[in-house]
Amino acid sequence: MTWWKVITSEVLRPPLVGIDIAKDQDVAQVKVAHGRVLVPQLAIPNTPAGFAAFWRRLHAQQAATGLREIICAVEPTGTYHQALARFLEQHGVDVVFVATSVAHYNRRTLEGTWDKNDPKDAANLCDLLERGRVCFYSLPEGPVADLRRLVRLLRQARVERGACQTRFRNTLLPTLAPAGAPVPPALVAQLPAPLRALLPAGERGGPRPARPASPPRPPGVAAEFADLTARLTAVQARIAQIETALVAVAEPLPAYALLQTLPGVGPTVAAILLAEIGDITWYSQFPQLRKLAGLDIIRVQSGRFAGTARISKCGRPLLRWALYQAAMGAARSPAWRARRDAMRAKRAGDRYAFFKANVEVAAKLLRIVWGVWRSGRPYDPARVDGGPARPAIAPAMARAGRRGPPPPGQGPGEIGPPRGSQAGRIPATRALSLRKRTSARP
């Protein structure tokens, strides 16, 4: 190939930019798609002047290639990447997202050493961008951005409340009574109301009479009780304030009222769904949304071995938590309780049957969220199938995608009976022998 053909072929390819994000200074690499590296290493100070100098360098490469399109890939680190990504989007640059796990595993496949440094990370991002191993990326503004900030604050506040509860039950309660015995009523009556609400329901009792006289607590224990009471009261007030602000931001959004028509979805859960999902038009298929929630089914298979099917637990954990809370709330109605009982009955003998049934209900609610949000129509119970639940594992013909069963010795291995840990893999031959020995017993 002559030199002019090489130049012409590179002119037709857009420049790709991989940017490794850091706190003080970013590092970028610029290359031509499926071509040569234009700039192996370029430092970008995290300042407006540094961003402007970086854009002038990119603009010069853009003029050299003769194309308008520039694609930048970033691996977000905290919130340091947002300023640069917003600057690039304002200048018409397409910014894409590279998952941290994907970048971690792909870095080891690059030529060179096993180490990790900023120039190598930038080259790694360019390599992933060149092969299309990127995700949709967005910097939401307006109500969605406010909702995500409020949801993050709400999560932090609830973690603090959980820490207060754990401190009370594991540290302070043993000072009142032995850990295996209930707290005496006289001591319960002396507890402040916020701490008394943390006791088990059977130990709270009814209205409290006047506090009987009792020996004073040591100064250190009394100060610890007062400190925990103040912390718990403050964090509960913060949670109430954040939830009020969350609802105020979410109410003007059209999808907020639609989501609240779903069973088990209240004001706070609906706001969390809006914040975690963002815009439903970002997703073209339901599996994308299910993957975002980490409710997609995965199974490790190799040869004649087949692992236990389970959810991936990837994506956004807070979205998965909100769906699980909605499933618990939906099960309070008779129809959804019967549905959950049917899902639990098909897992007879599994000690995690109740939890797995709730997860399956959460996945069903996510599909209803998908349909309600995209259609713009409120939830209609008549449109939801109220019949018996489908089997946990599809028949062999459905899994294989054939008209008949697979020939002997071919196709995926049979799934053996679940073990106590619900993990590990059982060969199909061993599973078959276990079933034969079980059926042969009187």
Protein backbone atom coordinates (compact mmCIF):
# COMPACT_ATOMS: atom_id res chain seq x y z
CA MET A 1 0.00 0.00 0.00
CA THR A 2 1.40 3.38 -0.99
CA TRP A 3 1.83 6.24 1.45
CA TRP A 4 -1.12 8.23 0.12
CA LYS A 5 -3.45 5.26 0.57
CA VAL A 6 -2.33 4.93 4.19
CA ILE A 7 -3.08 8.60 4.82
CA THR A 8 -6.45 8.37 3.08
CA SER A 9 -7.47 5.33 5.12
CA GLU A 10 -6.52 7.08 8.38
CA VAL A 11 -8.37 10.25 7.38
CA LEU A 12 -11.58 8.25 7.16
CA ARG A 13 -11.21 7.01 10.76
CA PRO A 14 -12.18 9.12 13.77
CA PRO A 15 -9.59 9.90 16.45
CA LEU A 16 -10.02 7.94 19.68
CA VAL A 17 -9.00 9.34 23.06
CA GLY A 18 -8.53 7.33 26.24
CA ILE A 19 -8.36 9.43 29.41
CA ASP A 20 -7.19 8.05 32.75
CA ILE A 21 -8.81 10.19 35.43
CA ALA A 22 -6.89 11.32 38.52
CA LYS A 23 -7.33 13.97 41.17
CA ASP A 24 -4.66 16.48 40.15
CA GLN A 25 -3.67 15.55 36.60
CA ASP A 26 -5.25 13.28 33.98
CA VAL A 27 -3.35 11.34 31.33
CA ALA A 28 -4.67 10.82 27.79
CA GLN A 29 -3.66 8.90 24.70
CA VAL A 30 -4.81 9.84 21.19
CA LYS A 31 -4.83 7.36 18.33
CA VAL A 32 -6.58 6.73 15.03
CA ALA A 33 -9.20 3.99 15.07
CA HIS A 34 -7.49 0.76 13.99
CA GLY A 35 -4.41 2.78 13.13
CA ARG A 36 -1.34 4.42 14.59
CA VAL A 37 -0.97 6.24 17.90
CA LEU A 38 -0.91 10.00 17.38
CA VAL A 39 -0.09 11.10 20.95
CA PRO A 40 1.17 8.32 23.26
CA GLN A 41 0.98 10.36 26.45
CA LEU A 42 -0.64 13.72 27.12
CA ALA A 43 -0.95 15.30 30.57
CA ILE A 44 -4.17 17.19 31.38
CA PRO A 45 -4.12 19.36 34.53
CA ASN A 46 -7.49 19.39 36.29
CA THR A 47 -7.92 23.15 35.80
CA PRO A 48 -9.89 25.24 33.29
CA ALA A 49 -6.62 26.23 31.64
CA GLY A 50 -5.59 22.58 31.40
CA PHE A 51 -8.91 21.64 29.81
CA ALA A 52 -8.57 24.48 27.28
CA ALA A 53 -5.03 23.41 26.34
CA PHE A 54 -6.20 19.82 25.94
CA TRP A 55 -9.06 20.91 23.68
CA ARG A 56 -6.68 22.93 21.48
CA ARG A 57 -4.57 19.82 21.07
CA LEU A 58 -7.62 17.73 20.22
CA HIS A 59 -8.89 20.38 17.83
CA ALA A 60 -5.57 20.30 15.99
CA GLN A 61 -5.82 16.51 15.62
CA GLN A 62 -9.41 16.91 14.48
CA ALA A 63 -8.34 19.38 11.79
CA ALA A 64 -5.57 17.03 10.66
CA THR A 65 -7.99 14.11 10.21
CA GLY A 66 -10.67 16.27 8.57
CA LEU A 67 -13.49 14.78 10.66
CA ARG A 68 -15.86 16.36 13.14
CA GLU A 69 -16.28 13.34 15.38
CA ILE A 70 -14.00 12.75 18.39
CA ILE A 71 -14.71 9.93 20.83
CA CYS A 72 -13.31 9.99 24.37
CA ALA A 73 -13.42 7.07 26.81
CA VAL A 74 -13.13 7.66 30.56
CA GLU A 75 -13.01 5.33 33.53
CA PRO A 76 -14.76 7.37 36.22
CA THR A 77 -12.91 7.86 39.49
CA GLY A 78 -15.22 9.30 42.11
CA THR A 79 -16.54 12.57 40.75
CA TYR A 80 -13.22 13.90 39.40
CA HIS A 81 -14.18 13.00 35.84
CA GLN A 82 -17.38 15.02 35.72
CA ALA A 83 -15.79 18.44 35.10
CA LEU A 84 -13.72 17.19 32.15
CA ALA A 85 -16.57 15.13 30.70
CA ARG A 86 -18.92 18.10 30.88
CA PHE A 87 -16.31 20.33 29.22
CA LEU A 88 -15.82 17.86 26.36
CA GLU A 89 -19.57 17.41 25.81
CA GLN A 90 -20.00 21.17 25.60
CA HIS A 91 -17.46 21.16 22.74
CA GLY A 92 -19.31 18.46 20.82
CA VAL A 93 -17.14 15.49 21.83
CA ASP A 94 -18.77 12.08 22.35
CA VAL A 95 -17.90 10.77 25.82
CA VAL A 96 -18.35 7.07 26.61
CA PHE A 97 -17.96 5.08 29.81
CA VAL A 98 -15.66 2.10 30.47
CA ALA A 99 -16.58 -0.16 33.36
CA THR A 100 -13.91 -0.52 36.03
CA SER A 101 -14.07 -4.33 36.00
CA VAL A 102 -13.66 -4.45 32.22
CA ALA A 103 -10.66 -2.12 32.35
CA HIS A 104 -9.11 -4.20 35.14
CA TYR A 105 -9.20 -7.48 33.24
CA ASN A 106 -8.28 -6.00 29.86
CA ARG A 107 -5.22 -4.26 31.31
CA ARG A 108 -3.59 -7.64 31.92
CA THR A 109 -3.94 -8.60 28.27
CA LEU A 110 -1.90 -5.65 27.01
CA GLU A 111 1.68 -6.17 25.95
CA GLY A 112 4.35 -5.15 28.41
CA THR A 113 4.39 -5.69 32.14
CA TRP A 114 1.78 -6.59 34.75
CA ASP A 115 2.05 -3.24 36.50
CA LYS A 116 -0.45 -0.39 36.56
CA ASN A 117 0.32 3.24 35.74
CA ASP A 118 -1.49 6.19 34.21
CA PRO A 119 -0.08 5.98 30.64
CA LYS A 120 -0.87 2.26 30.51
CA ASP A 121 -4.42 2.93 31.77
CA ALA A 122 -4.92 5.51 29.02
CA ALA A 123 -3.69 3.02 26.41
CA ASN A 124 -6.00 0.41 27.92
CA LEU A 125 -8.99 2.71 27.53
CA CYS A 126 -8.04 3.40 23.90
CA ASP A 127 -7.85 -0.32 23.24
CA LEU A 128 -11.29 -0.94 24.76
CA LEU A 129 -12.75 2.00 22.86
CA GLU A 130 -11.28 0.72 19.61
CA ARG A 131 -12.96 -2.66 20.14
CA GLY A 132 -16.26 -1.16 21.22
CA ARG A 133 -16.11 -2.43 24.83
CA VAL A 134 -17.76 0.70 26.20
CA CYS A 135 -21.05 1.62 27.80
CA PHE A 136 -23.54 4.44 27.44
CA TYR A 137 -22.50 7.41 29.54
CA SER A 138 -24.48 10.42 30.64
CA LEU A 139 -24.19 13.31 33.04
CA PRO A 140 -27.82 13.96 33.96
CA GLU A 141 -28.81 17.48 34.86
CA GLY A 142 -31.88 18.99 36.44
CA PRO A 143 -34.22 16.81 38.53
CA VAL A 144 -32.43 13.53 37.84
CA ALA A 145 -29.10 14.91 39.07
CA ASP A 146 -30.79 16.33 42.17
CA LEU A 147 -32.52 13.02 42.83
CA ARG A 148 -29.24 11.11 42.63
CA ARG A 149 -27.59 13.46 45.09
CA LEU A 150 -30.50 13.21 47.51
CA VAL A 151 -30.60 9.42 47.17
CA ARG A 152 -26.90 9.26 47.97
CA LEU A 153 -27.46 11.40 51.07
CA LEU A 154 -30.40 9.23 52.09
CA ARG A 155 -28.32 6.09 51.77
CA GLN A 156 -25.54 7.56 53.92
CA ALA A 157 -28.04 8.63 56.57
CA ARG A 158 -29.62 5.19 56.68
CA VAL A 159 -26.19 3.61 57.06
CA GLU A 160 -25.57 5.87 60.06
CA ARG A 161 -28.93 4.87 61.55
CA GLY A 162 -28.01 1.20 61.10
CA ALA A 163 -24.70 1.84 62.86
CA CYS A 164 -26.59 3.37 65.79
CA GLN A 165 -28.89 0.37 66.01
CA THR A 166 -25.96 -2.05 65.93
CA ARG A 167 -24.12 -0.08 68.60
CA PHE A 168 -27.17 -0.12 70.85
CA ARG A 169 -27.88 -3.84 70.50
CA ASN A 170 -24.29 -5.10 70.61
CA THR A 171 -22.66 -2.65 73.03
CA LEU A 172 -25.19 -0.96 75.30
CA LEU A 173 -27.84 -3.62 75.78
CA PRO A 174 -25.38 -6.07 77.41
CA THR A 175 -24.72 -3.42 80.08
CA LEU A 176 -28.40 -3.55 81.09
CA ALA A 177 -28.93 -7.32 81.15
CA PRO A 178 -27.26 -10.52 79.97
CA ALA A 179 -27.29 -10.90 76.21
CA GLY A 180 -29.49 -14.00 76.34
CA ALA A 181 -32.14 -12.53 78.68
CA PRO A 182 -34.72 -9.78 78.08
CA VAL A 183 -34.17 -6.38 79.57
CA PRO A 184 -36.06 -5.96 82.87
CA PRO A 185 -39.14 -3.73 82.58
CA ALA A 186 -37.78 -1.32 85.17
CA LEU A 187 -34.70 -0.69 83.03
CA VAL A 188 -36.77 -0.45 79.85
CA ALA A 189 -38.83 2.31 81.40
CA GLN A 190 -35.66 4.33 82.01
CA LEU A 191 -34.58 4.23 78.37
CA PRO A 192 -35.23 7.29 76.17
CA ALA A 193 -37.97 6.85 73.58
CA PRO A 194 -35.59 6.67 70.56
CA LEU A 195 -33.62 3.84 72.16
CA ARG A 196 -36.71 2.05 73.43
CA ALA A 197 -37.97 1.83 69.84
CA LEU A 198 -34.88 -0.24 68.98
CA LEU A 199 -35.83 -3.02 71.39
CA PRO A 200 -37.59 -6.15 70.11
CA ALA A 201 -41.35 -5.72 69.84
CA GLY A 202 -42.03 -8.05 72.77
CA GLU A 203 -39.86 -6.06 75.15
CA ARG A 204 -41.18 -2.57 74.43
CA GLY A 205 -44.49 -3.10 76.23
CA GLY A 206 -47.36 -0.66 76.36
CA PRO A 207 -47.59 2.77 77.98
CA ARG A 208 -44.88 3.25 80.53
CA PRO A 209 -45.72 4.18 84.13
CA ALA A 210 -43.66 6.57 86.14
CA ARG A 211 -40.05 5.53 86.30
CA PRO A 212 -39.23 3.70 89.51
CA ALA A 213 -36.27 4.71 91.55
CA SER A 214 -33.12 2.87 90.55
CA PRO A 215 -29.44 3.24 91.23
CA PRO A 216 -27.80 5.75 88.87
CA ARG A 217 -25.69 4.45 86.05
CA PRO A 218 -21.94 5.04 86.03
CA PRO A 219 -21.02 8.36 84.43
CA GLY A 220 -19.37 6.70 81.41
CA VAL A 221 -22.40 4.51 80.65
CA ALA A 222 -24.81 7.41 81.14
CA ALA A 223 -22.78 9.59 78.77
CA GLU A 224 -22.73 6.83 76.16
CA PHE A 225 -26.51 6.43 76.34
CA ALA A 226 -26.98 10.21 76.02
CA ASP A 227 -24.56 10.39 73.07
CA LEU A 228 -26.27 7.54 71.22
CA THR A 229 -29.70 9.07 71.85
CA ALA A 230 -28.57 12.42 70.43
CA ARG A 231 -27.00 10.76 67.36
CA LEU A 232 -30.05 8.61 66.69
CA THR A 233 -32.45 11.55 67.07
CA ALA A 234 -30.35 13.69 64.73
CA VAL A 235 -30.02 11.03 62.02
CA GLN A 236 -33.74 10.27 62.11
CA ALA A 237 -34.48 13.97 61.66
CA ARG A 238 -32.02 14.05 58.73
CA ILE A 239 -33.71 11.07 57.10
CA ALA A 240 -37.13 12.71 57.39
CA GLN A 241 -35.78 15.95 55.94
CA ILE A 242 -34.04 14.21 53.01
CA GLU A 243 -37.13 12.13 52.20
CA THR A 244 -39.23 15.30 52.14
CA ALA A 245 -36.79 16.97 49.74
CA LEU A 246 -36.65 13.79 47.64
CA VAL A 247 -40.41 13.72 47.20
CA ALA A 248 -40.52 17.46 46.43
CA VAL A 249 -38.01 17.03 43.57
CA ALA A 250 -39.67 13.88 42.18
CA GLU A 251 -43.30 15.04 42.25
CA PRO A 252 -43.14 17.23 39.09
CA LEU A 253 -41.82 14.31 37.02
CA PRO A 254 -44.60 12.51 35.05
CA ALA A 255 -43.21 9.03 35.75
CA TYR A 256 -43.36 9.59 39.53
CA ALA A 257 -47.13 9.25 39.70
CA LEU A 258 -47.07 6.26 37.34
CA LEU A 259 -44.57 4.35 39.46
CA GLN A 260 -46.60 4.89 42.60
CA THR A 261 -49.49 2.97 41.05
CA LEU A 262 -47.39 -0.20 41.26
CA PRO A 263 -47.95 -2.45 44.28
CA GLY A 264 -45.40 -1.92 47.03
CA VAL A 265 -43.98 1.29 45.52
CA GLY A 266 -44.34 4.27 47.83
CA PRO A 267 -43.10 7.86 47.55
CA THR A 268 -39.52 7.14 48.61
CA VAL A 269 -39.11 3.94 46.58
CA ALA A 270 -40.55 5.64 43.49
CA ALA A 271 -38.06 8.49 43.85
CA ILE A 272 -35.18 6.00 44.19
CA LEU A 273 -36.34 4.20 41.04
CA LEU A 274 -36.39 7.49 39.15
CA ALA A 275 -32.91 8.41 40.39
CA GLU A 276 -31.29 5.05 39.68
CA ILE A 277 -32.92 4.36 36.29
CA GLY A 278 -32.73 7.94 35.02
CA ASP A 279 -34.57 8.13 31.72
CA ILE A 280 -36.39 5.06 30.40
CA THR A 281 -35.59 6.09 26.82
CA TRP A 282 -31.94 5.31 27.49
CA TYR A 283 -32.80 1.61 27.30
CA SER A 284 -34.01 -0.03 24.12
CA GLN A 285 -34.63 -3.50 25.62
CA PHE A 286 -35.76 -4.80 28.97
CA PRO A 287 -32.64 -7.00 29.49
CA GLN A 288 -30.59 -3.80 29.66
CA LEU A 289 -32.67 -2.59 32.59
CA ARG A 290 -32.58 -6.01 34.25
CA LYS A 291 -28.79 -6.04 33.92
CA LEU A 292 -28.60 -2.56 35.43
CA ALA A 293 -30.44 -3.85 38.49
CA GLY A 294 -28.26 -6.97 38.74
CA LEU A 295 -31.28 -9.27 38.46
CA ASP A 296 -30.06 -11.05 35.32
CA ILE A 297 -29.53 -14.80 35.70
CA ILE A 298 -26.02 -16.18 35.33
CA ARG A 299 -24.64 -19.71 35.55
CA VAL A 300 -21.10 -21.03 35.32
CA GLN A 301 -20.88 -23.89 32.83
CA SER A 302 -17.90 -25.86 31.57
CA GLY A 303 -18.14 -29.16 29.70
CA ARG A 304 -20.45 -31.48 31.59
CA PHE A 305 -20.53 -29.26 34.64
CA ALA A 306 -23.28 -26.76 35.25
CA GLY A 307 -23.38 -24.38 38.18
CA THR A 308 -26.36 -23.17 40.14
CA ALA A 309 -28.34 -20.42 38.45
CA ARG A 310 -28.32 -17.17 40.42
CA ILE A 311 -28.64 -13.44 39.92
CA SER A 312 -25.49 -11.53 38.98
CA LYS A 313 -25.79 -8.89 41.76
CA CYS A 314 -24.02 -6.39 39.47
CA GLY A 315 -25.16 -2.97 38.36
CA ARG A 316 -26.75 -0.58 40.83
CA PRO A 317 -27.24 -2.13 44.29
CA LEU A 318 -29.56 0.63 45.47
CA LEU A 319 -31.93 -0.05 42.56
CA ARG A 320 -31.96 -3.74 43.50
CA TRP A 321 -32.64 -2.82 47.14
CA ALA A 322 -35.57 -0.57 46.18
CA LEU A 323 -37.09 -3.35 44.05
CA TYR A 324 -36.72 -5.83 46.92
CA GLN A 325 -38.46 -3.42 49.30
CA ALA A 326 -41.24 -3.01 46.73
CA ALA A 327 -41.56 -6.80 46.52
CA MET A 328 -41.92 -7.04 50.30
CA GLY A 329 -44.59 -4.34 50.23
CA ALA A 330 -46.44 -5.91 47.30
CA ALA A 331 -46.61 -9.24 49.14
CA ARG A 332 -48.93 -7.61 51.70
CA SER A 333 -51.76 -7.80 49.15
CA PRO A 334 -53.50 -11.19 48.77
CA ALA A 335 -52.81 -11.55 45.03
CA TRP A 336 -49.10 -10.90 45.25
CA ARG A 337 -48.80 -12.93 48.46
CA ALA A 338 -50.31 -15.89 46.66
CA ARG A 339 -47.90 -15.36 43.79
CA ARG A 340 -44.94 -15.29 46.15
CA ASP A 341 -46.20 -18.42 47.93
CA ALA A 342 -46.35 -20.22 44.58
CA MET A 343 -42.77 -19.15 43.83
CA ARG A 344 -41.74 -20.35 47.26
CA ALA A 345 -43.54 -23.69 46.90
CA LYS A 346 -41.62 -24.62 43.76
CA ARG A 347 -38.42 -24.32 45.80
CA ALA A 348 -39.50 -26.74 48.51
CA GLY A 349 -36.53 -27.92 50.53
CA ASP A 350 -34.42 -24.84 49.85
CA ARG A 351 -33.66 -22.92 53.02
CA TYR A 352 -33.37 -19.71 50.99
CA ALA A 353 -36.74 -20.21 49.30
CA PHE A 354 -38.34 -17.15 50.93
CA PHE A 355 -35.51 -14.83 49.92
CA LYS A 356 -35.37 -16.19 46.36
CA ALA A 357 -39.14 -15.84 45.97
CA ASN A 358 -38.92 -12.18 46.98
CA VAL A 359 -36.11 -11.64 44.47
CA GLU A 360 -38.26 -13.21 41.75
CA VAL A 361 -41.13 -10.90 42.69
CA ALA A 362 -38.71 -7.96 42.50
CA ALA A 363 -37.70 -9.01 38.98
CA LYS A 364 -41.37 -9.22 38.00
CA LEU A 365 -41.98 -5.74 39.40
CA LEU A 366 -39.05 -4.43 37.38
CA ARG A 367 -40.65 -5.71 34.20
CA ILE A 368 -43.89 -3.97 35.20
CA VAL A 369 -41.90 -0.79 35.83
CA TRP A 370 -40.53 -1.12 32.29
CA GLY A 371 -44.01 -1.53 30.78
CA VAL A 372 -45.73 1.17 32.83
CA TRP A 373 -43.00 3.76 32.34
CA ARG A 374 -42.66 3.23 28.59
CA SER A 375 -46.39 3.05 27.89
CA GLY A 376 -47.32 6.01 30.08
CA ARG A 377 -50.34 4.12 31.45
CA PRO A 378 -50.81 3.39 35.16
CA TYR A 379 -50.57 -0.10 36.56
CA ASP A 380 -53.57 -2.31 35.81
CA PRO A 381 -53.80 -5.50 37.93
CA ALA A 382 -56.00 -7.12 35.29
CA ARG A 383 -53.12 -7.07 32.79
CA VAL A 384 -50.77 -8.94 35.12
CA ASP A 385 -50.85 -12.72 34.96
CA GLY A 386 -52.11 -13.93 38.28
CA GLY A 387 -51.79 -17.62 37.49
CA PRO A 388 -49.21 -20.02 38.85
CA ALA A 389 -45.57 -19.05 38.52
CA ARG A 390 -43.42 -20.49 35.78
CA PRO A 391 -40.88 -23.19 36.66
CA ALA A 392 -37.54 -21.99 37.95
CA ILE A 393 -35.60 -23.70 35.14
CA ALA A 394 -36.99 -23.97 31.62
CA PRO A 395 -37.32 -27.43 30.05
CA ALA A 396 -34.34 -28.87 28.25
CA MET A 397 -35.90 -28.36 24.80
CA ALA A 398 -36.52 -24.68 25.53
CA ARG A 399 -32.97 -24.18 26.77
CA ALA A 400 -31.43 -25.93 23.82
CA GLY A 401 -33.62 -24.12 21.28
CA ARG A 402 -34.37 -27.31 19.37
CA ARG A 403 -37.50 -29.13 18.35
CA GLY A 404 -36.49 -32.27 20.20
CA PRO A 405 -34.19 -33.27 23.06
CA PRO A 406 -30.44 -33.20 22.39
CA PRO A 407 -28.68 -36.45 21.46
CA PRO A 408 -27.18 -38.50 24.29
CA GLY A 409 -23.91 -37.07 25.52
CA GLN A 410 -24.52 -33.65 23.93
CA GLY A 411 -26.02 -30.41 25.09
CA PRO A 412 -25.71 -28.78 28.53
CA GLY A 413 -25.23 -30.98 31.56
CA GLU A 414 -28.19 -31.66 33.80
CA ILE A 415 -28.52 -29.60 36.93
CA GLY A 416 -28.08 -31.69 40.04
CA PRO A 417 -29.92 -31.24 43.34
CA PRO A 418 -28.87 -28.08 45.21
CA ARG A 419 -26.39 -28.53 48.00
CA GLY A 420 -26.51 -26.80 51.36
CA SER A 421 -24.28 -23.92 50.30
CA GLN A 422 -26.17 -23.36 47.03
CA ALA A 423 -22.78 -23.02 45.35
CA GLY A 424 -20.43 -25.31 43.46
CA ARG A 425 -21.12 -27.59 40.54
CA ILE A 426 -22.26 -31.22 40.31
CA PRO A 427 -21.53 -33.41 37.29
CA ALA A 428 -24.53 -34.65 35.38
CA THR A 429 -23.49 -38.30 35.91
CA ARG A 430 -23.33 -37.81 39.67
CA ALA A 431 -26.68 -36.02 39.69
CA LEU A 432 -28.25 -38.92 37.78
CA SER A 433 -26.76 -41.49 40.18
CA LEU A 434 -28.05 -39.50 43.17
CA ARG A 435 -31.57 -39.51 41.74
CA LYS A 436 -31.43 -43.25 41.05
CA ARG A 437 -30.24 -44.03 44.58
CA THR A 438 -32.91 -41.78 46.07
CA SER A 439 -35.70 -43.36 44.04
CA ALA A 440 -34.49 -46.88 44.91
CA ARG A 441 -34.82 -46.29 48.65
CA PRO A 442 -38.03 -47.58 50.29
